[in-house]
Amino acid sequence: MALQVIHPQLKEEIFGAKVRPHLLHQTVVMQLNNLRAGTASTKTKGFVRGGGKKPWRQKGTGRARAGSIRSPLWVGGGTIFGPQPRDYSYRLPKKARKQALLSALSAKNRDRKIIVLDKWELAEPKTKLMRKILDDLKVTSALIVIAQSDERVERSARNLPAVKVLRVEGLNVYDLLRHEHLILTEGSLRLIEERLAA
């Protein structure tokens, strides 16, 4: 099943903006930080089992002073400055996030890696159908952006490791940079232009 590739006039302010590498970097770092679980945890000497009693008296034994068998210097002791559960997430200013998205879209357009289709038409959710369409387009790695939820498209791409399907509201810098091609439908292109024109 052949889908029609169209060549619409892309808005210059969205797909022809200045590419700002520093904003792309900051946004990707932010997104990866926001994905971190932050559940790594170690026990300090106060949380390790045992060690309440002073092992020997302070003076007169000829050995070094010791206050607990759970000192970080001892085998089985606590950890010094180990990781504790924490929240790594943060947000860049709204204007910076928008400029980063414009930069990513403009970089894709500059490299001629944007493909616009009239619409997606899949008879059934089959990986084989999606693979054939991408082969016809000569695409191996792609971010597919659709206007609204389409179970057939989403399920057809689910088992392709280098392909991801997103709705317009989920469009982000990390996924744009991670995939070689950006595949849009005419409907999703209009929604992106409306969203970023404001």
N, C-alpha and C. Protein backbone atom coordinates (compact mmCIF):
# COMPACT_ATOMS: atom_id res chain seq x y z
N MET A 1 0.84 -1.18 0.00
CA MET A 1 0.00 0.00 0.00
C MET A 1 0.88 1.24 0.00
N ALA A 2 0.78 2.03 -1.05
CA ALA A 2 1.64 3.21 -1.19
C ALA A 2 0.95 4.42 -0.60
N LEU A 3 1.66 5.11 0.26
CA LEU A 3 1.15 6.36 0.80
C LEU A 3 1.75 7.51 0.01
N GLN A 4 0.98 8.55 -0.14
CA GLN A 4 1.42 9.67 -0.96
C GLN A 4 2.27 10.65 -0.14
N VAL A 5 3.48 10.92 -0.62
CA VAL A 5 4.35 11.91 0.00
C VAL A 5 4.00 13.27 -0.60
N ILE A 6 3.73 14.24 0.26
CA ILE A 6 3.40 15.58 -0.23
C ILE A 6 4.51 16.54 0.16
N HIS A 7 4.53 17.68 -0.49
CA HIS A 7 5.59 18.68 -0.23
C HIS A 7 4.95 20.02 0.10
N PRO A 8 4.41 20.15 1.31
CA PRO A 8 3.76 21.41 1.68
C PRO A 8 4.79 22.51 1.96
N GLN A 9 4.31 23.73 1.94
CA GLN A 9 5.17 24.87 2.28
C GLN A 9 5.30 24.91 3.81
N LEU A 10 6.50 24.67 4.31
CA LEU A 10 6.72 24.68 5.76
C LEU A 10 6.94 26.11 6.25
N LYS A 11 6.37 26.42 7.40
CA LYS A 11 6.51 27.78 7.95
C LYS A 11 7.95 28.05 8.33
N GLU A 12 8.47 29.16 7.83
CA GLU A 12 9.87 29.51 8.04
C GLU A 12 10.20 29.74 9.52
N GLU A 13 9.26 30.34 10.25
CA GLU A 13 9.54 30.65 11.66
C GLU A 13 9.62 29.39 12.53
N ILE A 14 9.08 28.27 12.03
CA ILE A 14 9.12 27.02 12.80
C ILE A 14 10.17 26.05 12.26
N PHE A 15 10.23 25.91 10.94
CA PHE A 15 11.14 24.94 10.33
C PHE A 15 12.38 25.59 9.72
N GLY A 16 12.53 26.89 9.93
CA GLY A 16 13.71 27.57 9.40
C GLY A 16 14.36 28.45 10.45
N ALA A 17 14.09 28.14 11.72
CA ALA A 17 14.66 28.93 12.83
C ALA A 17 16.15 28.64 12.99
N LYS A 18 16.80 29.52 13.72
CA LYS A 18 18.23 29.32 14.00
C LYS A 18 18.42 28.10 14.91
N VAL A 19 19.35 27.23 14.57
CA VAL A 19 19.62 26.04 15.38
C VAL A 19 20.55 26.42 16.53
N ARG A 20 20.09 26.18 17.75
CA ARG A 20 20.87 26.55 18.95
C ARG A 20 21.33 25.28 19.67
N PRO A 21 22.56 24.83 19.38
CA PRO A 21 23.05 23.56 19.96
C PRO A 21 23.03 23.54 21.48
N HIS A 22 23.33 24.68 22.12
CA HIS A 22 23.38 24.69 23.58
C HIS A 22 21.99 24.43 24.19
N LEU A 23 20.94 24.94 23.53
CA LEU A 23 19.59 24.69 24.03
C LEU A 23 19.18 23.24 23.81
N LEU A 24 19.60 22.67 22.67
CA LEU A 24 19.32 21.26 22.41
C LEU A 24 19.96 20.40 23.50
N HIS A 25 21.21 20.72 23.82
CA HIS A 25 21.93 19.95 24.85
C HIS A 25 21.25 20.08 26.21
N GLN A 26 20.91 21.31 26.59
CA GLN A 26 20.29 21.53 27.90
C GLN A 26 18.94 20.81 28.01
N THR A 27 18.19 20.80 26.91
CA THR A 27 16.87 20.16 26.93
C THR A 27 17.00 18.65 27.02
N VAL A 28 17.95 18.07 26.28
CA VAL A 28 18.15 16.61 26.35
C VAL A 28 18.60 16.20 27.75
N VAL A 29 19.51 16.96 28.35
CA VAL A 29 19.96 16.66 29.72
C VAL A 29 18.78 16.74 30.68
N MET A 30 17.93 17.76 30.51
CA MET A 30 16.74 17.90 31.37
C MET A 30 15.82 16.69 31.22
N GLN A 31 15.55 16.29 29.97
CA GLN A 31 14.65 15.16 29.74
C GLN A 31 15.20 13.86 30.33
N LEU A 32 16.51 13.64 30.16
CA LEU A 32 17.11 12.42 30.70
C LEU A 32 17.11 12.44 32.23
N ASN A 33 17.34 13.62 32.82
CA ASN A 33 17.27 13.74 34.28
C ASN A 33 15.87 13.46 34.79
N ASN A 34 14.87 13.94 34.03
CA ASN A 34 13.49 13.74 34.46
C ASN A 34 13.06 12.28 34.38
N LEU A 35 13.80 11.48 33.58
CA LEU A 35 13.50 10.06 33.47
C LEU A 35 14.15 9.23 34.59
N ARG A 36 15.09 9.82 35.31
CA ARG A 36 15.81 9.07 36.33
C ARG A 36 14.91 8.69 37.49
N ALA A 37 15.04 7.47 37.96
CA ALA A 37 14.21 7.01 39.08
C ALA A 37 14.63 7.66 40.39
N GLY A 38 15.94 7.87 40.56
CA GLY A 38 16.44 8.48 41.80
C GLY A 38 16.23 7.61 43.02
N THR A 39 16.26 6.28 42.83
CA THR A 39 16.01 5.37 43.95
C THR A 39 17.28 4.72 44.51
N ALA A 40 18.45 5.08 43.96
CA ALA A 40 19.70 4.51 44.47
C ALA A 40 19.86 4.89 45.94
N SER A 41 20.22 3.90 46.78
CA SER A 41 20.29 4.17 48.22
C SER A 41 21.39 3.35 48.87
N THR A 42 22.14 3.97 49.75
CA THR A 42 23.16 3.26 50.53
C THR A 42 22.95 3.55 52.01
N LYS A 43 23.51 2.70 52.87
CA LYS A 43 23.36 2.88 54.31
C LYS A 43 24.60 3.55 54.90
N THR A 44 24.39 4.60 55.64
CA THR A 44 25.48 5.21 56.38
C THR A 44 25.69 4.39 57.66
N LYS A 45 26.70 4.75 58.46
CA LYS A 45 27.00 3.96 59.67
C LYS A 45 25.83 3.96 60.65
N GLY A 46 24.97 4.96 60.55
CA GLY A 46 23.82 5.02 61.45
C GLY A 46 22.72 4.04 61.08
N PHE A 47 22.77 3.49 59.86
CA PHE A 47 21.70 2.61 59.41
C PHE A 47 22.13 1.14 59.26
N VAL A 48 23.46 0.88 59.37
CA VAL A 48 23.94 -0.49 59.25
C VAL A 48 23.66 -1.24 60.55
N ARG A 49 23.25 -2.50 60.40
CA ARG A 49 22.92 -3.29 61.60
C ARG A 49 24.16 -3.52 62.47
N GLY A 50 23.99 -3.37 63.79
CA GLY A 50 25.06 -3.63 64.75
C GLY A 50 25.91 -2.39 65.02
N GLY A 51 26.90 -2.55 65.86
CA GLY A 51 27.86 -1.47 66.09
C GLY A 51 27.48 -0.49 67.17
N GLY A 52 26.54 -0.88 68.06
CA GLY A 52 26.15 0.06 69.12
C GLY A 52 27.18 0.17 70.24
N LYS A 53 27.96 -0.86 70.41
CA LYS A 53 28.91 -0.90 71.53
C LYS A 53 30.31 -0.51 71.06
N LYS A 54 31.04 0.24 71.88
CA LYS A 54 32.42 0.58 71.57
C LYS A 54 33.25 -0.71 71.63
N PRO A 55 33.99 -1.04 70.54
CA PRO A 55 34.66 -2.36 70.51
C PRO A 55 35.71 -2.57 71.59
N TRP A 56 36.46 -1.55 71.95
CA TRP A 56 37.41 -1.64 73.06
C TRP A 56 37.61 -0.25 73.65
N ARG A 57 38.25 -0.20 74.82
CA ARG A 57 38.40 1.08 75.50
C ARG A 57 39.25 2.04 74.67
N GLN A 58 39.11 3.31 74.99
CA GLN A 58 39.76 4.36 74.19
C GLN A 58 41.28 4.27 74.26
N LYS A 59 41.81 4.05 75.47
CA LYS A 59 43.27 4.11 75.62
C LYS A 59 43.81 2.81 76.23
N GLY A 60 45.10 2.62 76.06
CA GLY A 60 45.78 1.55 76.77
C GLY A 60 45.84 0.20 76.08
N THR A 61 45.23 0.05 74.91
CA THR A 61 45.27 -1.26 74.25
C THR A 61 46.37 -1.33 73.19
N GLY A 62 46.88 -0.18 72.78
CA GLY A 62 47.89 -0.15 71.72
C GLY A 62 47.27 -0.15 70.33
N ARG A 63 45.96 -0.27 70.28
CA ARG A 63 45.29 -0.24 68.98
C ARG A 63 44.69 1.14 68.72
N ALA A 64 44.32 1.37 67.47
CA ALA A 64 43.75 2.66 67.11
C ALA A 64 42.40 2.85 67.79
N ARG A 65 42.05 4.10 68.01
CA ARG A 65 40.76 4.42 68.63
C ARG A 65 39.62 3.93 67.73
N ALA A 66 38.62 3.32 68.32
CA ALA A 66 37.47 2.86 67.54
C ALA A 66 36.21 3.07 68.36
N GLY A 67 35.19 3.62 67.74
CA GLY A 67 33.94 3.87 68.46
C GLY A 67 32.83 2.94 68.02
N SER A 68 32.99 2.30 66.84
CA SER A 68 31.92 1.44 66.35
C SER A 68 32.49 0.43 65.37
N ILE A 69 31.96 -0.77 65.38
CA ILE A 69 32.41 -1.77 64.39
C ILE A 69 31.77 -1.50 63.03
N ARG A 70 30.88 -0.51 62.98
CA ARG A 70 30.24 -0.17 61.72
C ARG A 70 30.79 1.13 61.12
N SER A 71 32.01 1.48 61.57
CA SER A 71 32.70 2.63 60.97
C SER A 71 32.91 2.37 59.47
N PRO A 72 32.84 3.40 58.64
CA PRO A 72 33.09 3.20 57.20
C PRO A 72 34.47 2.60 56.90
N LEU A 73 35.40 2.66 57.86
CA LEU A 73 36.73 2.10 57.64
C LEU A 73 36.76 0.59 57.86
N TRP A 74 35.71 0.05 58.45
CA TRP A 74 35.69 -1.37 58.77
C TRP A 74 34.90 -2.15 57.71
N VAL A 75 35.28 -3.43 57.55
CA VAL A 75 34.49 -4.32 56.68
C VAL A 75 33.09 -4.45 57.27
N GLY A 76 32.08 -4.28 56.43
CA GLY A 76 30.71 -4.34 56.92
C GLY A 76 30.22 -3.03 57.48
N GLY A 77 31.06 -2.01 57.38
CA GLY A 77 30.67 -0.69 57.89
C GLY A 77 29.78 0.06 56.93
N GLY A 78 29.39 1.26 57.36
CA GLY A 78 28.52 2.09 56.53
C GLY A 78 29.27 2.69 55.35
N THR A 79 28.53 3.37 54.49
CA THR A 79 29.12 4.01 53.31
C THR A 79 29.20 5.51 53.55
N ILE A 80 30.34 6.08 53.16
CA ILE A 80 30.50 7.54 53.31
C ILE A 80 29.97 8.23 52.07
N PHE A 81 29.10 9.20 52.22
CA PHE A 81 28.60 10.04 51.12
C PHE A 81 28.05 9.22 49.94
N GLY A 82 27.42 8.09 50.24
CA GLY A 82 26.82 7.28 49.17
C GLY A 82 25.54 7.92 48.67
N PRO A 83 25.01 7.45 47.55
CA PRO A 83 23.78 8.03 47.00
C PRO A 83 22.58 7.78 47.91
N GLN A 84 21.69 8.74 47.97
CA GLN A 84 20.45 8.63 48.72
C GLN A 84 19.29 8.91 47.76
N PRO A 85 18.10 8.40 48.03
CA PRO A 85 16.97 8.68 47.14
C PRO A 85 16.76 10.18 46.98
N ARG A 86 16.59 10.61 45.73
CA ARG A 86 16.40 12.05 45.48
C ARG A 86 15.66 12.23 44.16
N ASP A 87 15.13 13.40 43.96
CA ASP A 87 14.41 13.75 42.74
C ASP A 87 15.34 14.55 41.85
N TYR A 88 15.68 14.01 40.68
CA TYR A 88 16.61 14.68 39.77
C TYR A 88 15.90 15.64 38.81
N SER A 89 14.58 15.63 38.80
CA SER A 89 13.85 16.38 37.77
C SER A 89 13.92 17.89 37.99
N TYR A 90 13.89 18.61 36.89
CA TYR A 90 13.81 20.07 36.91
C TYR A 90 13.25 20.52 35.56
N ARG A 91 12.90 21.78 35.43
CA ARG A 91 12.32 22.27 34.19
C ARG A 91 13.06 23.51 33.72
N LEU A 92 13.35 23.54 32.44
CA LEU A 92 13.90 24.74 31.83
C LEU A 92 12.77 25.75 31.64
N PRO A 93 13.09 27.03 31.47
CA PRO A 93 12.04 28.01 31.20
C PRO A 93 11.26 27.64 29.93
N LYS A 94 9.99 28.03 29.90
CA LYS A 94 9.10 27.67 28.79
C LYS A 94 9.65 28.16 27.45
N LYS A 95 10.19 29.37 27.42
CA LYS A 95 10.72 29.94 26.17
C LYS A 95 11.92 29.12 25.68
N ALA A 96 12.76 28.68 26.62
CA ALA A 96 13.94 27.89 26.24
C ALA A 96 13.51 26.54 25.66
N ARG A 97 12.48 25.93 26.26
CA ARG A 97 12.00 24.64 25.76
C ARG A 97 11.41 24.79 24.35
N LYS A 98 10.69 25.89 24.13
CA LYS A 98 10.11 26.12 22.81
C LYS A 98 11.19 26.35 21.76
N GLN A 99 12.20 27.16 22.12
CA GLN A 99 13.29 27.43 21.18
C GLN A 99 14.07 26.16 20.85
N ALA A 100 14.22 25.28 21.85
CA ALA A 100 14.93 24.02 21.61
C ALA A 100 14.14 23.15 20.63
N LEU A 101 12.81 23.12 20.78
CA LEU A 101 11.98 22.34 19.87
C LEU A 101 12.03 22.90 18.45
N LEU A 102 12.01 24.23 18.35
CA LEU A 102 12.14 24.88 17.03
C LEU A 102 13.50 24.54 16.41
N SER A 103 14.54 24.54 17.25
CA SER A 103 15.88 24.22 16.76
C SER A 103 15.95 22.80 16.21
N ALA A 104 15.34 21.86 16.95
CA ALA A 104 15.36 20.46 16.53
C ALA A 104 14.59 20.27 15.22
N LEU A 105 13.43 20.91 15.10
CA LEU A 105 12.63 20.80 13.87
C LEU A 105 13.37 21.45 12.70
N SER A 106 14.01 22.58 12.97
CA SER A 106 14.73 23.28 11.90
C SER A 106 15.95 22.49 11.45
N ALA A 107 16.61 21.82 12.39
CA ALA A 107 17.76 20.98 12.03
C ALA A 107 17.33 19.81 11.15
N LYS A 108 16.18 19.21 11.48
CA LYS A 108 15.66 18.12 10.66
C LYS A 108 15.33 18.62 9.24
N ASN A 109 14.72 19.81 9.17
CA ASN A 109 14.37 20.37 7.87
C ASN A 109 15.61 20.73 7.06
N ARG A 110 16.60 21.28 7.73
CA ARG A 110 17.86 21.67 7.07
C ARG A 110 18.56 20.44 6.48
N ASP A 111 18.48 19.32 7.21
CA ASP A 111 19.12 18.08 6.74
C ASP A 111 18.23 17.27 5.80
N ARG A 112 17.06 17.82 5.46
CA ARG A 112 16.10 17.17 4.56
C ARG A 112 15.68 15.79 5.09
N LYS A 113 15.37 15.77 6.37
CA LYS A 113 14.98 14.52 7.01
C LYS A 113 13.50 14.53 7.43
N ILE A 114 12.73 15.46 6.89
CA ILE A 114 11.30 15.51 7.20
C ILE A 114 10.51 14.95 6.02
N ILE A 115 9.63 14.01 6.30
CA ILE A 115 8.75 13.43 5.27
C ILE A 115 7.31 13.70 5.69
N VAL A 116 6.54 14.28 4.78
CA VAL A 116 5.12 14.56 5.08
C VAL A 116 4.25 13.68 4.19
N LEU A 117 3.36 12.92 4.83
CA LEU A 117 2.43 12.06 4.11
C LEU A 117 1.03 12.67 4.15
N ASP A 118 0.21 12.34 3.16
CA ASP A 118 -1.14 12.88 3.19
C ASP A 118 -1.91 12.32 4.38
N LYS A 119 -1.77 11.03 4.66
CA LYS A 119 -2.40 10.40 5.83
C LYS A 119 -1.83 8.99 5.99
N TRP A 120 -2.09 8.41 7.17
CA TRP A 120 -1.72 7.02 7.41
C TRP A 120 -2.93 6.15 7.14
N GLU A 121 -2.74 5.12 6.34
CA GLU A 121 -3.82 4.17 6.08
C GLU A 121 -3.26 2.76 6.21
N LEU A 122 -3.60 2.11 7.30
CA LEU A 122 -3.19 0.72 7.50
C LEU A 122 -4.44 -0.13 7.62
N ALA A 123 -4.52 -1.20 6.83
CA ALA A 123 -5.70 -2.06 6.86
C ALA A 123 -5.83 -2.76 8.20
N GLU A 124 -4.67 -3.11 8.79
CA GLU A 124 -4.66 -3.80 10.08
C GLU A 124 -3.34 -3.52 10.79
N PRO A 125 -3.30 -3.69 12.10
CA PRO A 125 -2.06 -3.42 12.83
C PRO A 125 -1.02 -4.52 12.64
N LYS A 126 -0.21 -4.41 11.61
CA LYS A 126 0.80 -5.42 11.30
C LYS A 126 2.17 -4.76 11.16
N THR A 127 3.15 -5.31 11.86
CA THR A 127 4.52 -4.79 11.77
C THR A 127 5.03 -4.89 10.33
N LYS A 128 4.65 -5.94 9.63
CA LYS A 128 5.10 -6.15 8.25
C LYS A 128 4.65 -5.00 7.35
N LEU A 129 3.41 -4.52 7.56
CA LEU A 129 2.90 -3.39 6.75
C LEU A 129 3.71 -2.12 7.02
N MET A 130 3.98 -1.87 8.31
CA MET A 130 4.76 -0.68 8.67
C MET A 130 6.17 -0.77 8.09
N ARG A 131 6.78 -1.94 8.18
CA ARG A 131 8.13 -2.13 7.66
C ARG A 131 8.17 -1.89 6.15
N LYS A 132 7.14 -2.34 5.44
CA LYS A 132 7.09 -2.15 3.99
C LYS A 132 6.97 -0.67 3.63
N ILE A 133 6.13 0.06 4.37
CA ILE A 133 5.98 1.50 4.11
C ILE A 133 7.30 2.21 4.33
N LEU A 134 7.98 1.88 5.43
CA LEU A 134 9.26 2.54 5.74
C LEU A 134 10.33 2.16 4.70
N ASP A 135 10.31 0.91 4.24
CA ASP A 135 11.25 0.49 3.20
C ASP A 135 10.99 1.26 1.90
N ASP A 136 9.71 1.47 1.58
CA ASP A 136 9.36 2.24 0.37
C ASP A 136 9.85 3.67 0.47
N LEU A 137 9.84 4.20 1.70
CA LEU A 137 10.31 5.58 1.93
C LEU A 137 11.83 5.64 2.11
N LYS A 138 12.49 4.45 2.10
CA LYS A 138 13.94 4.34 2.34
C LYS A 138 14.32 4.91 3.71
N VAL A 139 13.56 4.50 4.72
CA VAL A 139 13.76 4.98 6.09
C VAL A 139 14.01 3.79 7.00
N THR A 140 15.04 3.91 7.85
CA THR A 140 15.31 2.85 8.83
C THR A 140 15.03 3.32 10.26
N SER A 141 15.31 4.59 10.54
CA SER A 141 15.08 5.16 11.88
C SER A 141 14.13 6.34 11.73
N ALA A 142 12.99 6.28 12.43
CA ALA A 142 12.00 7.34 12.23
C ALA A 142 11.19 7.63 13.49
N LEU A 143 10.87 8.91 13.65
CA LEU A 143 9.90 9.35 14.64
C LEU A 143 8.63 9.70 13.86
N ILE A 144 7.57 8.97 14.12
CA ILE A 144 6.30 9.19 13.41
C ILE A 144 5.38 10.00 14.32
N VAL A 145 4.94 11.14 13.85
CA VAL A 145 4.06 12.00 14.65
C VAL A 145 2.68 12.02 14.01
N ILE A 146 1.67 11.62 14.78
CA ILE A 146 0.31 11.55 14.27
C ILE A 146 -0.57 12.58 14.98
N ALA A 147 -1.64 12.97 14.30
CA ALA A 147 -2.52 14.03 14.83
C ALA A 147 -3.33 13.54 16.02
N GLN A 148 -3.87 12.33 15.94
CA GLN A 148 -4.61 11.77 17.06
C GLN A 148 -4.29 10.29 17.18
N SER A 149 -4.72 9.73 18.29
CA SER A 149 -4.41 8.32 18.56
C SER A 149 -4.91 7.42 17.43
N ASP A 150 -4.02 6.54 16.96
CA ASP A 150 -4.36 5.58 15.91
C ASP A 150 -3.76 4.24 16.31
N GLU A 151 -4.59 3.36 16.82
CA GLU A 151 -4.10 2.09 17.37
C GLU A 151 -3.38 1.26 16.33
N ARG A 152 -3.84 1.32 15.07
CA ARG A 152 -3.21 0.50 14.03
C ARG A 152 -1.77 0.95 13.77
N VAL A 153 -1.56 2.27 13.71
CA VAL A 153 -0.21 2.79 13.48
C VAL A 153 0.68 2.51 14.69
N GLU A 154 0.16 2.77 15.88
CA GLU A 154 0.95 2.61 17.10
C GLU A 154 1.36 1.14 17.31
N ARG A 155 0.43 0.23 17.09
CA ARG A 155 0.74 -1.19 17.29
C ARG A 155 1.65 -1.74 16.19
N SER A 156 1.51 -1.20 14.98
CA SER A 156 2.34 -1.67 13.87
C SER A 156 3.81 -1.30 14.07
N ALA A 157 4.06 -0.18 14.74
CA ALA A 157 5.44 0.28 14.93
C ALA A 157 6.05 -0.19 16.24
N ARG A 158 5.24 -0.82 17.08
CA ARG A 158 5.68 -1.16 18.44
C ARG A 158 6.89 -2.08 18.48
N ASN A 159 6.99 -3.00 17.52
CA ASN A 159 8.09 -3.98 17.55
C ASN A 159 9.29 -3.58 16.69
N LEU A 160 9.27 -2.37 16.17
CA LEU A 160 10.41 -1.88 15.37
C LEU A 160 11.29 -1.04 16.29
N PRO A 161 12.50 -1.50 16.60
CA PRO A 161 13.31 -0.82 17.62
C PRO A 161 13.73 0.60 17.27
N ALA A 162 13.85 0.91 15.97
CA ALA A 162 14.32 2.26 15.59
C ALA A 162 13.16 3.16 15.17
N VAL A 163 11.94 2.77 15.51
CA VAL A 163 10.76 3.56 15.13
C VAL A 163 9.93 3.85 16.37
N LYS A 164 9.47 5.09 16.48
CA LYS A 164 8.61 5.48 17.60
C LYS A 164 7.46 6.31 17.08
N VAL A 165 6.28 6.08 17.65
CA VAL A 165 5.09 6.84 17.26
C VAL A 165 4.68 7.73 18.43
N LEU A 166 4.48 9.01 18.13
CA LEU A 166 4.03 9.97 19.14
C LEU A 166 2.86 10.78 18.60
N ARG A 167 2.02 11.23 19.51
CA ARG A 167 1.02 12.22 19.12
C ARG A 167 1.65 13.60 19.20
N VAL A 168 1.01 14.57 18.58
CA VAL A 168 1.61 15.92 18.47
C VAL A 168 1.97 16.48 19.84
N GLU A 169 1.09 16.27 20.83
CA GLU A 169 1.35 16.85 22.16
C GLU A 169 2.55 16.21 22.85
N GLY A 170 3.00 15.05 22.37
CA GLY A 170 4.16 14.40 22.98
C GLY A 170 5.48 14.69 22.26
N LEU A 171 5.43 15.51 21.22
CA LEU A 171 6.64 15.83 20.45
C LEU A 171 7.70 16.45 21.36
N ASN A 172 8.93 15.93 21.30
CA ASN A 172 9.99 16.43 22.19
C ASN A 172 11.35 16.37 21.51
N VAL A 173 12.28 17.13 22.06
CA VAL A 173 13.61 17.29 21.48
C VAL A 173 14.39 15.97 21.49
N TYR A 174 14.35 15.25 22.60
CA TYR A 174 15.14 14.02 22.73
C TYR A 174 14.80 13.01 21.63
N ASP A 175 13.50 12.78 21.43
CA ASP A 175 13.10 11.80 20.40
C ASP A 175 13.38 12.32 18.99
N LEU A 176 13.29 13.62 18.78
CA LEU A 176 13.62 14.19 17.46
C LEU A 176 15.08 13.94 17.11
N LEU A 177 15.95 14.13 18.09
CA LEU A 177 17.39 13.97 17.83
C LEU A 177 17.79 12.50 17.78
N ARG A 178 17.01 11.65 18.45
CA ARG A 178 17.35 10.24 18.54
C ARG A 178 17.02 9.45 17.27
N HIS A 179 16.09 9.96 16.49
CA HIS A 179 15.69 9.29 15.26
C HIS A 179 16.12 10.09 14.04
N GLU A 180 16.50 9.38 13.00
CA GLU A 180 17.06 10.05 11.82
C GLU A 180 16.01 10.84 11.05
N HIS A 181 14.84 10.24 10.83
CA HIS A 181 13.80 10.91 10.05
C HIS A 181 12.61 11.30 10.92
N LEU A 182 11.94 12.37 10.52
CA LEU A 182 10.70 12.78 11.14
C LEU A 182 9.60 12.60 10.10
N ILE A 183 8.63 11.74 10.39
CA ILE A 183 7.53 11.50 9.46
C ILE A 183 6.25 12.10 10.04
N LEU A 184 5.66 13.02 9.28
CA LEU A 184 4.44 13.71 9.70
C LEU A 184 3.31 13.39 8.74
N THR A 185 2.09 13.57 9.22
CA THR A 185 0.95 13.58 8.31
C THR A 185 0.58 15.05 8.10
N GLU A 186 -0.23 15.30 7.11
CA GLU A 186 -0.65 16.68 6.86
C GLU A 186 -1.36 17.26 8.09
N GLY A 187 -2.16 16.41 8.74
CA GLY A 187 -2.88 16.86 9.93
C GLY A 187 -1.96 17.17 11.09
N SER A 188 -0.97 16.30 11.33
CA SER A 188 -0.06 16.55 12.45
C SER A 188 0.84 17.76 12.19
N LEU A 189 1.18 18.00 10.92
CA LEU A 189 1.98 19.18 10.57
C LEU A 189 1.22 20.45 10.92
N ARG A 190 -0.06 20.49 10.58
CA ARG A 190 -0.87 21.69 10.88
C ARG A 190 -0.97 21.90 12.38
N LEU A 191 -1.14 20.81 13.14
CA LEU A 191 -1.24 20.94 14.60
C LEU A 191 0.07 21.43 15.21
N ILE A 192 1.20 20.97 14.69
CA ILE A 192 2.49 21.43 15.18
C ILE A 192 2.66 22.92 14.90
N GLU A 193 2.27 23.33 13.71
CA GLU A 193 2.39 24.76 13.36
C GLU A 193 1.48 25.62 14.24
N GLU A 194 0.29 25.11 14.53
CA GLU A 194 -0.61 25.87 15.42
C GLU A 194 -0.04 25.95 16.83
N ARG A 195 0.51 24.84 17.30
CA ARG A 195 1.04 24.79 18.67
C ARG A 195 2.24 25.71 18.85
N LEU A 196 3.12 25.77 17.84
CA LEU A 196 4.36 26.53 17.98
C LEU A 196 4.29 27.95 17.43
N ALA A 197 3.17 28.29 16.78
CA ALA A 197 3.05 29.63 16.21
C ALA A 197 2.81 30.67 17.30
N ALA A 198 2.19 30.25 18.39
CA ALA A 198 1.84 31.20 19.46
C ALA A 198 3.07 31.72 20.17
